[in-house]
Amino acid sequence: MSIFGDLMNALLFQHIPEADWVARALDQYVNGLLNFFNYLTTVDRSNRLVYFGIKGLGKNLKKPEILIVQGVVCNTITINRAIGRSTWYFVDEFHILLKEEQTAAYSAEIWKRFRKWGGIPTWATQNPKDLLSSPEIENFLENSDFIYMLNQAAGDRKILAERLNISSEQLAYVTNSEPGHGLLFFNNVISPFADDFPKDTELYKLLTTKPSEVDLSEVWV
């Protein structure tokens, strides 16, 4: 697959003023600060599970990187749809995608499209206040049939109660609740739940995020 450097060299080879102008515009993507675009991917997208991490990126790089990842996901959804395969798209710390107007608008657009194309979009966040302050949040709530809510802080509970029409009685289930206890939203039904997952299982050992419960001798670095 060709990269930006190949395109830049092909343009310069023509010795045409217009082509030289385009080549100079590409220089920052080939030799400058944005040269991370000028490499072939090392990700095997044929894997059943593909993980994209943006945690280590600087502030100026997060926006273009998120748009690139979203573009890759859209292409994957399109390919899988053609062969009759569903795709689960899971986004952790979803509020980060809503901080920028462009990534928020793109997220809302693909959220609507994915459901029709065999996609299963799912998001998670620990910051409902930041999430619900986005102008795009209505698009996500209207296109999400299922919401899983755990313990919430006082400020978040107030906002969620207004946005999701939660009664004070129902709100008690996400007020100082135990781990695994909360509220389920499915279509127009709101139901409390208690998931007391057995701790003496291999699955619990794999899923727990509590440092005191992690056996460091089995952790791969």
N, C-alpha and C. Protein backbone atom coordinates (compact mmCIF):
# COMPACT_ATOMS: atom_id res chain seq x y z
N MET A 1 0.85 -1.19 0.00
CA MET A 1 0.00 0.00 0.00
C MET A 1 0.88 1.24 0.00
N SER A 2 0.52 2.22 -0.81
CA SER A 2 1.28 3.47 -0.88
C SER A 2 1.07 4.31 0.37
N ILE A 3 2.08 5.13 0.70
CA ILE A 3 2.00 6.05 1.83
C ILE A 3 2.22 7.46 1.32
N PHE A 4 2.10 8.45 2.20
CA PHE A 4 2.22 9.85 1.79
C PHE A 4 3.57 10.14 1.14
N GLY A 5 4.64 9.49 1.64
CA GLY A 5 5.96 9.72 1.06
C GLY A 5 6.02 9.32 -0.40
N ASP A 6 5.35 8.22 -0.75
CA ASP A 6 5.31 7.78 -2.14
C ASP A 6 4.57 8.80 -3.01
N LEU A 7 3.48 9.33 -2.49
CA LEU A 7 2.70 10.34 -3.23
C LEU A 7 3.52 11.61 -3.41
N MET A 8 4.22 12.02 -2.37
CA MET A 8 5.04 13.23 -2.45
C MET A 8 6.14 13.08 -3.50
N ASN A 9 6.80 11.93 -3.52
CA ASN A 9 7.87 11.70 -4.50
C ASN A 9 7.32 11.66 -5.92
N ALA A 10 6.12 11.06 -6.09
CA ALA A 10 5.51 11.00 -7.42
C ALA A 10 5.15 12.39 -7.92
N LEU A 11 4.71 13.25 -7.03
CA LEU A 11 4.37 14.63 -7.41
C LEU A 11 5.62 15.41 -7.79
N LEU A 12 6.68 15.27 -7.00
CA LEU A 12 7.93 15.99 -7.29
C LEU A 12 8.56 15.52 -8.59
N PHE A 13 8.39 14.26 -8.92
CA PHE A 13 8.98 13.69 -10.14
C PHE A 13 8.41 14.33 -11.40
N GLN A 14 7.20 14.90 -11.31
CA GLN A 14 6.56 15.47 -12.49
C GLN A 14 7.14 16.83 -12.88
N HIS A 15 7.76 17.54 -11.92
CA HIS A 15 8.35 18.87 -12.19
C HIS A 15 7.31 19.83 -12.77
N ILE A 16 6.12 19.79 -12.19
CA ILE A 16 5.03 20.70 -12.57
C ILE A 16 4.75 21.60 -11.38
N PRO A 17 4.64 22.93 -11.59
CA PRO A 17 4.43 23.85 -10.45
C PRO A 17 3.28 23.45 -9.55
N GLU A 18 2.15 23.05 -10.15
CA GLU A 18 0.99 22.68 -9.33
C GLU A 18 1.28 21.43 -8.49
N ALA A 19 1.98 20.47 -9.10
CA ALA A 19 2.33 19.25 -8.37
C ALA A 19 3.33 19.55 -7.26
N ASP A 20 4.28 20.46 -7.53
CA ASP A 20 5.25 20.85 -6.51
C ASP A 20 4.56 21.52 -5.33
N TRP A 21 3.51 22.30 -5.61
CA TRP A 21 2.77 22.99 -4.54
C TRP A 21 2.09 21.98 -3.63
N VAL A 22 1.47 20.95 -4.23
CA VAL A 22 0.81 19.91 -3.44
C VAL A 22 1.85 19.13 -2.64
N ALA A 23 3.01 18.86 -3.24
CA ALA A 23 4.06 18.12 -2.55
C ALA A 23 4.56 18.88 -1.34
N ARG A 24 4.70 20.19 -1.45
CA ARG A 24 5.15 21.00 -0.30
C ARG A 24 4.11 20.96 0.82
N ALA A 25 2.83 20.93 0.42
CA ALA A 25 1.77 20.86 1.44
C ALA A 25 1.82 19.52 2.18
N LEU A 26 2.31 18.47 1.52
CA LEU A 26 2.40 17.15 2.13
C LEU A 26 3.64 16.98 3.00
N ASP A 27 4.57 17.92 2.92
CA ASP A 27 5.86 17.74 3.60
C ASP A 27 5.70 17.54 5.11
N GLN A 28 4.74 18.25 5.74
CA GLN A 28 4.56 18.09 7.19
C GLN A 28 4.06 16.69 7.56
N TYR A 29 3.41 16.02 6.60
CA TYR A 29 2.92 14.66 6.84
C TYR A 29 3.97 13.60 6.50
N VAL A 30 5.04 14.02 5.84
CA VAL A 30 6.10 13.09 5.46
C VAL A 30 7.35 13.28 6.31
N ASN A 31 7.75 14.54 6.51
CA ASN A 31 8.99 14.83 7.24
C ASN A 31 8.77 15.67 8.50
N GLY A 32 7.56 16.21 8.66
CA GLY A 32 7.31 17.11 9.78
C GLY A 32 6.72 16.44 11.00
N LEU A 33 6.06 17.26 11.85
CA LEU A 33 5.53 16.77 13.12
C LEU A 33 4.39 15.77 12.95
N LEU A 34 3.75 15.81 11.78
CA LEU A 34 2.62 14.90 11.54
C LEU A 34 3.03 13.68 10.71
N ASN A 35 4.30 13.32 10.77
CA ASN A 35 4.77 12.21 9.93
C ASN A 35 4.31 10.85 10.43
N PHE A 36 3.55 10.81 11.54
CA PHE A 36 3.00 9.53 11.98
C PHE A 36 1.99 8.99 10.98
N PHE A 37 1.53 9.86 10.05
CA PHE A 37 0.64 9.41 8.99
C PHE A 37 1.41 8.65 7.90
N ASN A 38 2.74 8.77 7.90
CA ASN A 38 3.55 8.28 6.78
C ASN A 38 4.12 6.89 7.03
N TYR A 39 3.32 6.03 7.66
CA TYR A 39 3.78 4.66 7.93
C TYR A 39 2.68 3.67 7.59
N LEU A 40 3.09 2.46 7.25
CA LEU A 40 2.11 1.39 7.07
C LEU A 40 1.65 0.91 8.44
N THR A 41 0.41 0.50 8.54
CA THR A 41 -0.12 0.05 9.82
C THR A 41 0.54 -1.25 10.25
N THR A 42 0.69 -1.41 11.55
CA THR A 42 1.21 -2.66 12.12
C THR A 42 0.08 -3.48 12.73
N VAL A 43 -1.16 -3.02 12.56
CA VAL A 43 -2.33 -3.69 13.14
C VAL A 43 -2.88 -4.72 12.16
N ASP A 44 -3.06 -5.93 12.63
CA ASP A 44 -3.69 -6.97 11.82
C ASP A 44 -5.19 -6.88 12.02
N ARG A 45 -5.87 -6.22 11.09
CA ARG A 45 -7.30 -5.98 11.24
C ARG A 45 -8.14 -7.20 10.93
N SER A 46 -7.50 -8.32 10.56
CA SER A 46 -8.26 -9.54 10.34
C SER A 46 -8.51 -10.29 11.65
N ASN A 47 -7.89 -9.83 12.74
CA ASN A 47 -8.12 -10.45 14.04
C ASN A 47 -9.57 -10.28 14.47
N ARG A 48 -10.07 -11.22 15.26
CA ARG A 48 -11.44 -11.10 15.79
C ARG A 48 -11.55 -9.93 16.75
N LEU A 49 -10.46 -9.63 17.48
CA LEU A 49 -10.47 -8.57 18.48
C LEU A 49 -9.34 -7.59 18.16
N VAL A 50 -9.71 -6.34 17.92
CA VAL A 50 -8.72 -5.29 17.61
C VAL A 50 -8.89 -4.16 18.63
N TYR A 51 -7.78 -3.76 19.25
CA TYR A 51 -7.81 -2.73 20.28
C TYR A 51 -7.03 -1.51 19.82
N PHE A 52 -7.64 -0.34 19.93
CA PHE A 52 -6.99 0.92 19.62
C PHE A 52 -6.84 1.71 20.92
N GLY A 53 -5.62 2.08 21.27
CA GLY A 53 -5.37 2.86 22.48
C GLY A 53 -4.87 4.25 22.14
N ILE A 54 -5.48 5.28 22.74
CA ILE A 54 -5.09 6.67 22.46
C ILE A 54 -4.59 7.37 23.71
N LYS A 55 -4.40 6.60 24.79
CA LYS A 55 -4.03 7.19 26.07
C LYS A 55 -2.71 7.95 26.01
N GLY A 56 -1.72 7.42 25.30
CA GLY A 56 -0.39 8.02 25.30
C GLY A 56 -0.22 9.17 24.32
N LEU A 57 -1.26 9.53 23.60
CA LEU A 57 -1.14 10.59 22.60
C LEU A 57 -1.21 11.97 23.25
N GLY A 58 -0.47 12.91 22.68
CA GLY A 58 -0.55 14.29 23.14
C GLY A 58 -1.86 14.93 22.75
N LYS A 59 -2.14 16.09 23.34
CA LYS A 59 -3.42 16.76 23.11
C LYS A 59 -3.64 17.07 21.63
N ASN A 60 -2.59 17.51 20.93
CA ASN A 60 -2.74 17.90 19.53
C ASN A 60 -2.94 16.72 18.60
N LEU A 61 -2.57 15.53 19.05
CA LEU A 61 -2.68 14.35 18.19
C LEU A 61 -3.95 13.56 18.41
N LYS A 62 -4.63 13.79 19.53
CA LYS A 62 -5.79 12.97 19.85
C LYS A 62 -6.93 13.14 18.84
N LYS A 63 -7.18 14.36 18.44
CA LYS A 63 -8.29 14.60 17.51
C LYS A 63 -8.08 13.87 16.18
N PRO A 64 -6.93 14.07 15.48
CA PRO A 64 -6.77 13.32 14.22
C PRO A 64 -6.71 11.81 14.43
N GLU A 65 -6.13 11.37 15.56
CA GLU A 65 -6.04 9.93 15.80
C GLU A 65 -7.42 9.32 16.01
N ILE A 66 -8.29 10.02 16.75
CA ILE A 66 -9.65 9.50 16.96
C ILE A 66 -10.39 9.41 15.64
N LEU A 67 -10.22 10.43 14.78
CA LEU A 67 -10.90 10.41 13.48
C LEU A 67 -10.38 9.26 12.61
N ILE A 68 -9.08 8.97 12.70
CA ILE A 68 -8.51 7.86 11.94
C ILE A 68 -9.11 6.54 12.43
N VAL A 69 -9.15 6.36 13.75
CA VAL A 69 -9.71 5.12 14.32
C VAL A 69 -11.17 4.96 13.91
N GLN A 70 -11.93 6.06 13.99
CA GLN A 70 -13.34 5.99 13.61
C GLN A 70 -13.50 5.61 12.14
N GLY A 71 -12.60 6.13 11.29
CA GLY A 71 -12.63 5.77 9.88
C GLY A 71 -12.35 4.29 9.65
N VAL A 72 -11.37 3.76 10.39
CA VAL A 72 -11.04 2.33 10.30
C VAL A 72 -12.23 1.49 10.74
N VAL A 73 -12.87 1.90 11.83
CA VAL A 73 -14.03 1.15 12.34
C VAL A 73 -15.17 1.17 11.31
N CYS A 74 -15.40 2.32 10.70
CA CYS A 74 -16.46 2.42 9.68
C CYS A 74 -16.19 1.48 8.52
N ASN A 75 -14.93 1.42 8.08
CA ASN A 75 -14.57 0.52 6.97
C ASN A 75 -14.79 -0.93 7.37
N THR A 76 -14.43 -1.27 8.60
CA THR A 76 -14.61 -2.64 9.08
C THR A 76 -16.08 -3.02 9.13
N ILE A 77 -16.91 -2.09 9.64
CA ILE A 77 -18.35 -2.34 9.70
C ILE A 77 -18.91 -2.58 8.29
N THR A 78 -18.46 -1.78 7.33
CA THR A 78 -18.93 -1.90 5.95
C THR A 78 -18.56 -3.25 5.36
N ILE A 79 -17.30 -3.68 5.58
CA ILE A 79 -16.84 -4.97 5.06
C ILE A 79 -17.61 -6.12 5.70
N ASN A 80 -17.77 -6.06 7.03
CA ASN A 80 -18.47 -7.13 7.73
C ASN A 80 -19.94 -7.20 7.35
N ARG A 81 -20.53 -6.03 7.10
CA ARG A 81 -21.94 -6.01 6.70
C ARG A 81 -22.13 -6.76 5.38
N ALA A 82 -21.18 -6.61 4.46
CA ALA A 82 -21.30 -7.24 3.14
C ALA A 82 -21.25 -8.76 3.23
N ILE A 83 -20.62 -9.29 4.28
CA ILE A 83 -20.53 -10.75 4.42
C ILE A 83 -21.47 -11.27 5.51
N GLY A 84 -22.36 -10.39 5.99
CA GLY A 84 -23.36 -10.83 6.96
C GLY A 84 -22.83 -11.04 8.35
N ARG A 85 -21.79 -10.29 8.74
CA ARG A 85 -21.19 -10.45 10.06
C ARG A 85 -21.45 -9.22 10.91
N SER A 86 -21.85 -9.42 12.16
CA SER A 86 -22.06 -8.30 13.08
C SER A 86 -20.72 -7.87 13.69
N THR A 87 -20.63 -6.60 14.06
CA THR A 87 -19.39 -6.05 14.63
C THR A 87 -19.71 -5.32 15.92
N TRP A 88 -19.03 -5.68 16.98
CA TRP A 88 -19.22 -4.99 18.26
C TRP A 88 -18.17 -3.90 18.38
N TYR A 89 -18.64 -2.66 18.51
CA TYR A 89 -17.77 -1.49 18.62
C TYR A 89 -17.90 -0.95 20.04
N PHE A 90 -16.88 -1.17 20.85
CA PHE A 90 -16.92 -0.77 22.27
C PHE A 90 -15.95 0.39 22.49
N VAL A 91 -16.45 1.47 23.09
CA VAL A 91 -15.64 2.66 23.37
C VAL A 91 -15.62 2.92 24.87
N ASP A 92 -14.45 2.83 25.47
CA ASP A 92 -14.31 3.15 26.89
C ASP A 92 -13.96 4.64 27.03
N GLU A 93 -14.27 5.23 28.17
CA GLU A 93 -14.05 6.66 28.42
C GLU A 93 -14.64 7.49 27.27
N PHE A 94 -15.90 7.21 26.98
CA PHE A 94 -16.55 7.78 25.79
C PHE A 94 -16.62 9.31 25.81
N HIS A 95 -16.60 9.90 27.02
CA HIS A 95 -16.71 11.35 27.11
C HIS A 95 -15.56 12.07 26.39
N ILE A 96 -14.41 11.38 26.24
CA ILE A 96 -13.26 11.98 25.57
C ILE A 96 -13.59 12.28 24.11
N LEU A 97 -14.37 11.40 23.47
CA LEU A 97 -14.73 11.60 22.07
C LEU A 97 -15.69 12.77 21.87
N LEU A 98 -16.35 13.19 22.95
CA LEU A 98 -17.33 14.26 22.83
C LEU A 98 -16.77 15.64 23.18
N LYS A 99 -15.49 15.70 23.53
CA LYS A 99 -14.88 16.98 23.89
C LYS A 99 -14.65 17.87 22.67
N GLU A 100 -14.37 17.24 21.52
CA GLU A 100 -14.15 17.98 20.28
C GLU A 100 -15.41 17.93 19.43
N GLU A 101 -15.78 19.07 18.87
CA GLU A 101 -17.02 19.16 18.08
C GLU A 101 -17.02 18.19 16.91
N GLN A 102 -15.89 18.07 16.21
CA GLN A 102 -15.83 17.22 15.03
C GLN A 102 -15.93 15.74 15.37
N THR A 103 -15.17 15.29 16.39
CA THR A 103 -15.22 13.88 16.76
C THR A 103 -16.57 13.52 17.39
N ALA A 104 -17.19 14.49 18.08
CA ALA A 104 -18.51 14.25 18.67
C ALA A 104 -19.57 14.08 17.58
N ALA A 105 -19.52 14.96 16.57
CA ALA A 105 -20.50 14.88 15.47
C ALA A 105 -20.32 13.60 14.68
N TYR A 106 -19.07 13.20 14.45
CA TYR A 106 -18.79 11.97 13.70
C TYR A 106 -19.25 10.76 14.51
N SER A 107 -19.03 10.80 15.81
CA SER A 107 -19.47 9.70 16.68
C SER A 107 -20.99 9.55 16.61
N ALA A 108 -21.71 10.67 16.65
CA ALA A 108 -23.17 10.62 16.58
C ALA A 108 -23.64 10.04 15.25
N GLU A 109 -22.95 10.40 14.17
CA GLU A 109 -23.34 9.92 12.85
C GLU A 109 -23.15 8.42 12.73
N ILE A 110 -21.98 7.92 13.18
CA ILE A 110 -21.74 6.48 13.04
C ILE A 110 -22.60 5.69 14.03
N TRP A 111 -23.00 6.32 15.14
CA TRP A 111 -23.88 5.64 16.09
C TRP A 111 -25.21 5.32 15.44
N LYS A 112 -25.73 6.26 14.66
CA LYS A 112 -26.99 6.04 13.95
C LYS A 112 -26.82 4.99 12.85
N ARG A 113 -25.71 5.07 12.13
CA ARG A 113 -25.49 4.21 10.98
C ARG A 113 -25.19 2.77 11.37
N PHE A 114 -24.41 2.60 12.45
CA PHE A 114 -23.96 1.26 12.82
C PHE A 114 -25.11 0.31 13.13
N ARG A 115 -26.14 0.81 13.77
CA ARG A 115 -27.26 -0.05 14.16
C ARG A 115 -27.95 -0.63 12.94
N LYS A 116 -27.96 0.11 11.83
CA LYS A 116 -28.59 -0.36 10.60
C LYS A 116 -27.67 -1.29 9.82
N TRP A 117 -26.37 -1.21 10.10
CA TRP A 117 -25.39 -1.97 9.32
C TRP A 117 -24.86 -3.19 10.07
N GLY A 118 -25.58 -3.66 11.08
CA GLY A 118 -25.13 -4.84 11.79
C GLY A 118 -24.08 -4.56 12.84
N GLY A 119 -23.92 -3.31 13.21
CA GLY A 119 -22.97 -2.94 14.26
C GLY A 119 -23.63 -2.93 15.62
N ILE A 120 -22.84 -3.17 16.65
CA ILE A 120 -23.36 -3.12 18.02
C ILE A 120 -22.53 -2.08 18.77
N PRO A 121 -22.88 -0.80 18.66
CA PRO A 121 -22.10 0.25 19.33
C PRO A 121 -22.39 0.28 20.83
N THR A 122 -21.33 0.34 21.62
CA THR A 122 -21.45 0.34 23.08
C THR A 122 -20.46 1.33 23.65
N TRP A 123 -20.91 2.17 24.57
CA TRP A 123 -19.96 3.09 25.21
C TRP A 123 -20.05 3.01 26.72
N ALA A 124 -18.92 3.35 27.35
CA ALA A 124 -18.83 3.35 28.81
C ALA A 124 -18.09 4.61 29.25
N THR A 125 -18.46 5.13 30.41
CA THR A 125 -17.80 6.32 30.94
C THR A 125 -17.98 6.37 32.46
N GLN A 126 -17.02 7.00 33.11
CA GLN A 126 -17.14 7.26 34.54
C GLN A 126 -17.49 8.72 34.80
N ASN A 127 -17.69 9.48 33.72
CA ASN A 127 -17.96 10.91 33.84
C ASN A 127 -19.26 11.29 33.13
N PRO A 128 -20.41 10.88 33.67
CA PRO A 128 -21.69 11.21 33.02
C PRO A 128 -21.90 12.72 32.86
N LYS A 129 -21.38 13.51 33.80
CA LYS A 129 -21.58 14.95 33.72
C LYS A 129 -20.96 15.52 32.45
N ASP A 130 -19.73 15.11 32.13
CA ASP A 130 -19.08 15.56 30.90
C ASP A 130 -19.82 15.02 29.68
N LEU A 131 -20.25 13.79 29.77
CA LEU A 131 -20.95 13.15 28.65
C LEU A 131 -22.27 13.86 28.34
N LEU A 132 -23.05 14.12 29.37
CA LEU A 132 -24.38 14.68 29.18
C LEU A 132 -24.37 16.16 28.84
N SER A 133 -23.20 16.80 28.98
CA SER A 133 -23.11 18.22 28.63
C SER A 133 -22.87 18.42 27.14
N SER A 134 -22.63 17.33 26.40
CA SER A 134 -22.38 17.42 24.96
C SER A 134 -23.67 17.71 24.21
N PRO A 135 -23.63 18.61 23.21
CA PRO A 135 -24.83 18.88 22.39
C PRO A 135 -25.32 17.65 21.63
N GLU A 136 -24.43 16.66 21.45
CA GLU A 136 -24.79 15.47 20.68
C GLU A 136 -25.42 14.37 21.52
N ILE A 137 -25.50 14.56 22.85
CA ILE A 137 -25.91 13.46 23.72
C ILE A 137 -27.30 12.93 23.40
N GLU A 138 -28.20 13.80 22.96
CA GLU A 138 -29.55 13.34 22.64
C GLU A 138 -29.54 12.30 21.53
N ASN A 139 -28.65 12.46 20.55
CA ASN A 139 -28.55 11.49 19.46
C ASN A 139 -28.15 10.12 19.97
N PHE A 140 -27.27 10.09 20.98
CA PHE A 140 -26.82 8.81 21.52
C PHE A 140 -27.90 8.16 22.37
N LEU A 141 -28.56 8.95 23.19
CA LEU A 141 -29.61 8.39 24.06
C LEU A 141 -30.79 7.88 23.24
N GLU A 142 -31.14 8.61 22.18
CA GLU A 142 -32.28 8.21 21.35
C GLU A 142 -31.97 6.95 20.54
N ASN A 143 -30.69 6.69 20.29
CA ASN A 143 -30.31 5.53 19.50
C ASN A 143 -29.66 4.44 20.34
N SER A 144 -29.92 4.46 21.65
CA SER A 144 -29.41 3.42 22.54
C SER A 144 -30.59 2.78 23.26
N ASP A 145 -30.81 1.49 23.02
CA ASP A 145 -31.94 0.78 23.63
C ASP A 145 -31.61 0.27 25.03
N PHE A 146 -30.33 0.24 25.38
CA PHE A 146 -29.92 -0.41 26.62
C PHE A 146 -28.92 0.48 27.36
N ILE A 147 -29.20 0.76 28.64
CA ILE A 147 -28.28 1.53 29.48
C ILE A 147 -28.08 0.78 30.79
N TYR A 148 -26.82 0.65 31.19
CA TYR A 148 -26.45 -0.08 32.41
C TYR A 148 -25.80 0.93 33.35
N MET A 149 -26.44 1.26 34.45
CA MET A 149 -26.00 2.33 35.32
C MET A 149 -25.63 1.81 36.71
N LEU A 150 -24.43 2.14 37.15
CA LEU A 150 -23.96 1.75 38.48
C LEU A 150 -24.00 2.97 39.41
N ASN A 151 -23.33 2.89 40.54
CA ASN A 151 -23.34 3.95 41.54
C ASN A 151 -22.92 5.29 40.92
N GLN A 152 -23.65 6.36 41.26
CA GLN A 152 -23.38 7.68 40.68
C GLN A 152 -23.17 8.72 41.78
N ALA A 153 -22.33 9.71 41.47
CA ALA A 153 -22.12 10.83 42.38
C ALA A 153 -23.36 11.72 42.40
N ALA A 154 -23.47 12.55 43.42
CA ALA A 154 -24.68 13.37 43.61
C ALA A 154 -24.97 14.26 42.41
N GLY A 155 -23.95 14.95 41.89
CA GLY A 155 -24.16 15.84 40.75
C GLY A 155 -24.59 15.10 39.51
N ASP A 156 -23.98 13.92 39.29
CA ASP A 156 -24.35 13.11 38.12
C ASP A 156 -25.76 12.56 38.26
N ARG A 157 -26.15 12.18 39.48
CA ARG A 157 -27.51 11.64 39.68
C ARG A 157 -28.57 12.67 39.32
N LYS A 158 -28.33 13.91 39.67
CA LYS A 158 -29.31 14.96 39.39
C LYS A 158 -29.49 15.14 37.88
N ILE A 159 -28.38 15.18 37.15
CA ILE A 159 -28.44 15.36 35.70
C ILE A 159 -29.09 14.15 35.04
N LEU A 160 -28.70 12.95 35.47
CA LEU A 160 -29.25 11.73 34.89
C LEU A 160 -30.75 11.61 35.15
N ALA A 161 -31.18 12.01 36.35
CA ALA A 161 -32.61 11.94 36.69
C ALA A 161 -33.43 12.81 35.75
N GLU A 162 -32.89 13.98 35.40
CA GLU A 162 -33.60 14.89 34.51
C GLU A 162 -33.60 14.37 33.07
N ARG A 163 -32.44 13.88 32.62
CA ARG A 163 -32.31 13.45 31.23
C ARG A 163 -33.05 12.14 30.95
N LEU A 164 -33.04 11.23 31.92
CA LEU A 164 -33.58 9.89 31.70
C LEU A 164 -34.91 9.66 32.42
N ASN A 165 -35.43 10.71 33.05
CA ASN A 165 -36.74 10.63 33.72
C ASN A 165 -36.75 9.54 34.79
N ILE A 166 -35.77 9.59 35.70
CA ILE A 166 -35.64 8.61 36.77
C ILE A 166 -36.33 9.15 38.03
N SER A 167 -37.16 8.36 38.64
CA SER A 167 -37.85 8.79 39.86
C SER A 167 -36.89 8.75 41.05
N SER A 168 -37.27 9.41 42.13
CA SER A 168 -36.42 9.43 43.33
C SER A 168 -36.28 8.03 43.92
N GLU A 169 -37.33 7.22 43.82
CA GLU A 169 -37.26 5.84 44.32
C GLU A 169 -36.26 5.02 43.51
N GLN A 170 -36.30 5.18 42.20
CA GLN A 170 -35.37 4.44 41.35
C GLN A 170 -33.94 4.95 41.53
N LEU A 171 -33.81 6.24 41.76
CA LEU A 171 -32.49 6.85 41.93
C LEU A 171 -31.76 6.28 43.15
N ALA A 172 -32.51 5.78 44.12
CA ALA A 172 -31.91 5.22 45.33
C ALA A 172 -31.02 4.02 45.01
N TYR A 173 -31.29 3.35 43.89
CA TYR A 173 -30.51 2.15 43.53
C TYR A 173 -29.13 2.50 42.96
N VAL A 174 -28.87 3.78 42.66
CA VAL A 174 -27.54 4.20 42.21
C VAL A 174 -26.96 5.24 43.17
N THR A 175 -27.48 5.24 44.40
CA THR A 175 -26.99 6.13 45.44
C THR A 175 -26.28 5.31 46.51
N ASN A 176 -24.95 5.47 46.59
CA ASN A 176 -24.14 4.69 47.53
C ASN A 176 -24.38 3.19 47.39
N SER A 177 -24.56 2.75 46.17
CA SER A 177 -24.86 1.33 45.92
C SER A 177 -23.58 0.49 45.94
N GLU A 178 -23.75 -0.79 46.21
CA GLU A 178 -22.63 -1.72 46.23
C GLU A 178 -22.14 -2.01 44.81
N PRO A 179 -20.90 -2.48 44.66
CA PRO A 179 -20.42 -2.87 43.32
C PRO A 179 -21.33 -3.93 42.70
N GLY A 180 -21.68 -3.74 41.43
CA GLY A 180 -22.55 -4.69 40.76
C GLY A 180 -24.03 -4.43 40.96
N HIS A 181 -24.38 -3.35 41.68
CA HIS A 181 -25.78 -3.01 41.91
C HIS A 181 -26.09 -1.69 41.19
N GLY A 182 -27.29 -1.61 40.59
CA GLY A 182 -27.64 -0.38 39.91
C GLY A 182 -28.97 -0.46 39.20
N LEU A 183 -29.06 0.23 38.05
CA LEU A 183 -30.30 0.29 37.28
C LEU A 183 -30.05 -0.15 35.84
N LEU A 184 -31.03 -0.88 35.30
CA LEU A 184 -31.01 -1.27 33.89
C LEU A 184 -32.11 -0.52 33.15
N PHE A 185 -31.77 0.03 31.99
CA PHE A 185 -32.75 0.68 31.13
C PHE A 185 -32.84 -0.14 29.85
N PHE A 186 -34.02 -0.60 29.50
CA PHE A 186 -34.22 -1.33 28.25
C PHE A 186 -35.53 -0.85 27.64
N ASN A 187 -35.39 -0.18 26.48
CA ASN A 187 -36.53 0.49 25.85
C ASN A 187 -37.16 1.46 26.86
N ASN A 188 -38.40 1.23 27.27
CA ASN A 188 -39.05 2.15 28.21
C ASN A 188 -39.13 1.59 29.62
N VAL A 189 -38.39 0.52 29.89
CA VAL A 189 -38.43 -0.13 31.19
C VAL A 189 -37.17 0.21 32.00
N ILE A 190 -37.37 0.61 33.26
CA ILE A 190 -36.26 0.86 34.18
C ILE A 190 -36.38 -0.14 35.33
N SER A 191 -35.32 -0.93 35.53
CA SER A 191 -35.39 -1.99 36.53
C SER A 191 -34.11 -2.04 37.36
N PRO A 192 -34.24 -2.14 38.69
CA PRO A 192 -33.04 -2.30 39.52
C PRO A 192 -32.47 -3.70 39.38
N PHE A 193 -31.17 -3.85 39.61
CA PHE A 193 -30.54 -5.16 39.53
C PHE A 193 -29.45 -5.27 40.59
N ALA A 194 -29.11 -6.51 40.94
CA ALA A 194 -28.02 -6.81 41.86
C ALA A 194 -27.23 -7.98 41.29
N ASP A 195 -26.04 -7.71 40.83
CA ASP A 195 -25.19 -8.74 40.24
C ASP A 195 -24.06 -9.06 41.23
N ASP A 196 -24.31 -9.96 42.14
CA ASP A 196 -23.30 -10.38 43.13
C ASP A 196 -22.47 -11.50 42.53
N PHE A 197 -21.52 -11.12 41.71
CA PHE A 197 -20.72 -12.08 40.96
C PHE A 197 -19.87 -12.91 41.92
N PRO A 198 -19.89 -14.24 41.82
CA PRO A 198 -19.11 -15.08 42.74
C PRO A 198 -17.61 -14.83 42.59
N LYS A 199 -16.95 -14.58 43.71
CA LYS A 199 -15.54 -14.22 43.68
C LYS A 199 -14.60 -15.42 43.63
N ASP A 200 -15.13 -16.61 43.86
CA ASP A 200 -14.28 -17.79 43.87
C ASP A 200 -14.26 -18.48 42.51
N THR A 201 -14.27 -17.68 41.44
CA THR A 201 -14.26 -18.24 40.08
C THR A 201 -13.08 -17.69 39.29
N GLU A 202 -12.67 -18.43 38.27
CA GLU A 202 -11.57 -17.99 37.42
C GLU A 202 -11.97 -16.74 36.63
N LEU A 203 -13.24 -16.65 36.25
CA LEU A 203 -13.70 -15.49 35.49
C LEU A 203 -13.60 -14.22 36.31
N TYR A 204 -13.93 -14.30 37.61
CA TYR A 204 -13.83 -13.12 38.46
C TYR A 204 -12.38 -12.65 38.55
N LYS A 205 -11.45 -13.61 38.64
CA LYS A 205 -10.03 -13.25 38.72
C LYS A 205 -9.57 -12.50 37.47
N LEU A 206 -10.15 -12.87 36.34
CA LEU A 206 -9.79 -12.21 35.09
C LEU A 206 -10.41 -10.82 34.97
N LEU A 207 -11.62 -10.66 35.54
CA LEU A 207 -12.37 -9.42 35.35
C LEU A 207 -12.10 -8.35 36.41
N THR A 208 -11.70 -8.73 37.61
CA THR A 208 -11.56 -7.76 38.68
C THR A 208 -10.50 -6.70 38.35
N THR A 209 -10.80 -5.46 38.74
CA THR A 209 -9.86 -4.35 38.54
C THR A 209 -9.31 -3.84 39.88
N LYS A 210 -9.62 -4.53 40.96
CA LYS A 210 -9.12 -4.12 42.27
C LYS A 210 -7.69 -4.60 42.44
N PRO A 211 -6.73 -3.70 42.67
CA PRO A 211 -5.32 -4.10 42.81
C PRO A 211 -5.10 -5.13 43.90
N SER A 212 -5.88 -5.05 45.00
CA SER A 212 -5.69 -5.98 46.11
C SER A 212 -6.10 -7.41 45.75
N GLU A 213 -6.87 -7.57 44.65
CA GLU A 213 -7.35 -8.88 44.25
C GLU A 213 -6.59 -9.46 43.05
N VAL A 214 -5.61 -8.70 42.56
CA VAL A 214 -4.86 -9.14 41.40
C VAL A 214 -3.60 -9.86 41.83
N ASP A 215 -3.41 -11.06 41.33
CA ASP A 215 -2.21 -11.85 41.61
C ASP A 215 -1.11 -11.38 40.66
N LEU A 216 -0.16 -10.58 41.19
CA LEU A 216 0.87 -9.98 40.34
C LEU A 216 1.78 -11.02 39.70
N SER A 217 1.84 -12.21 40.28
CA SER A 217 2.69 -13.25 39.70
C SER A 217 2.15 -13.77 38.39
N GLU A 218 0.85 -13.49 38.13
CA GLU A 218 0.22 -13.96 36.90
C GLU A 218 0.01 -12.85 35.89
N VAL A 219 0.51 -11.64 36.20
CA VAL A 219 0.32 -10.49 35.32
C VAL A 219 1.43 -10.47 34.26
N TRP A 220 1.05 -10.33 33.01
CA TRP A 220 2.02 -10.22 31.92
C TRP A 220 2.32 -8.76 31.66
N VAL A 221 3.59 -8.41 31.53
CA VAL A 221 4.01 -7.03 31.28
C VAL A 221 4.60 -6.93 29.89
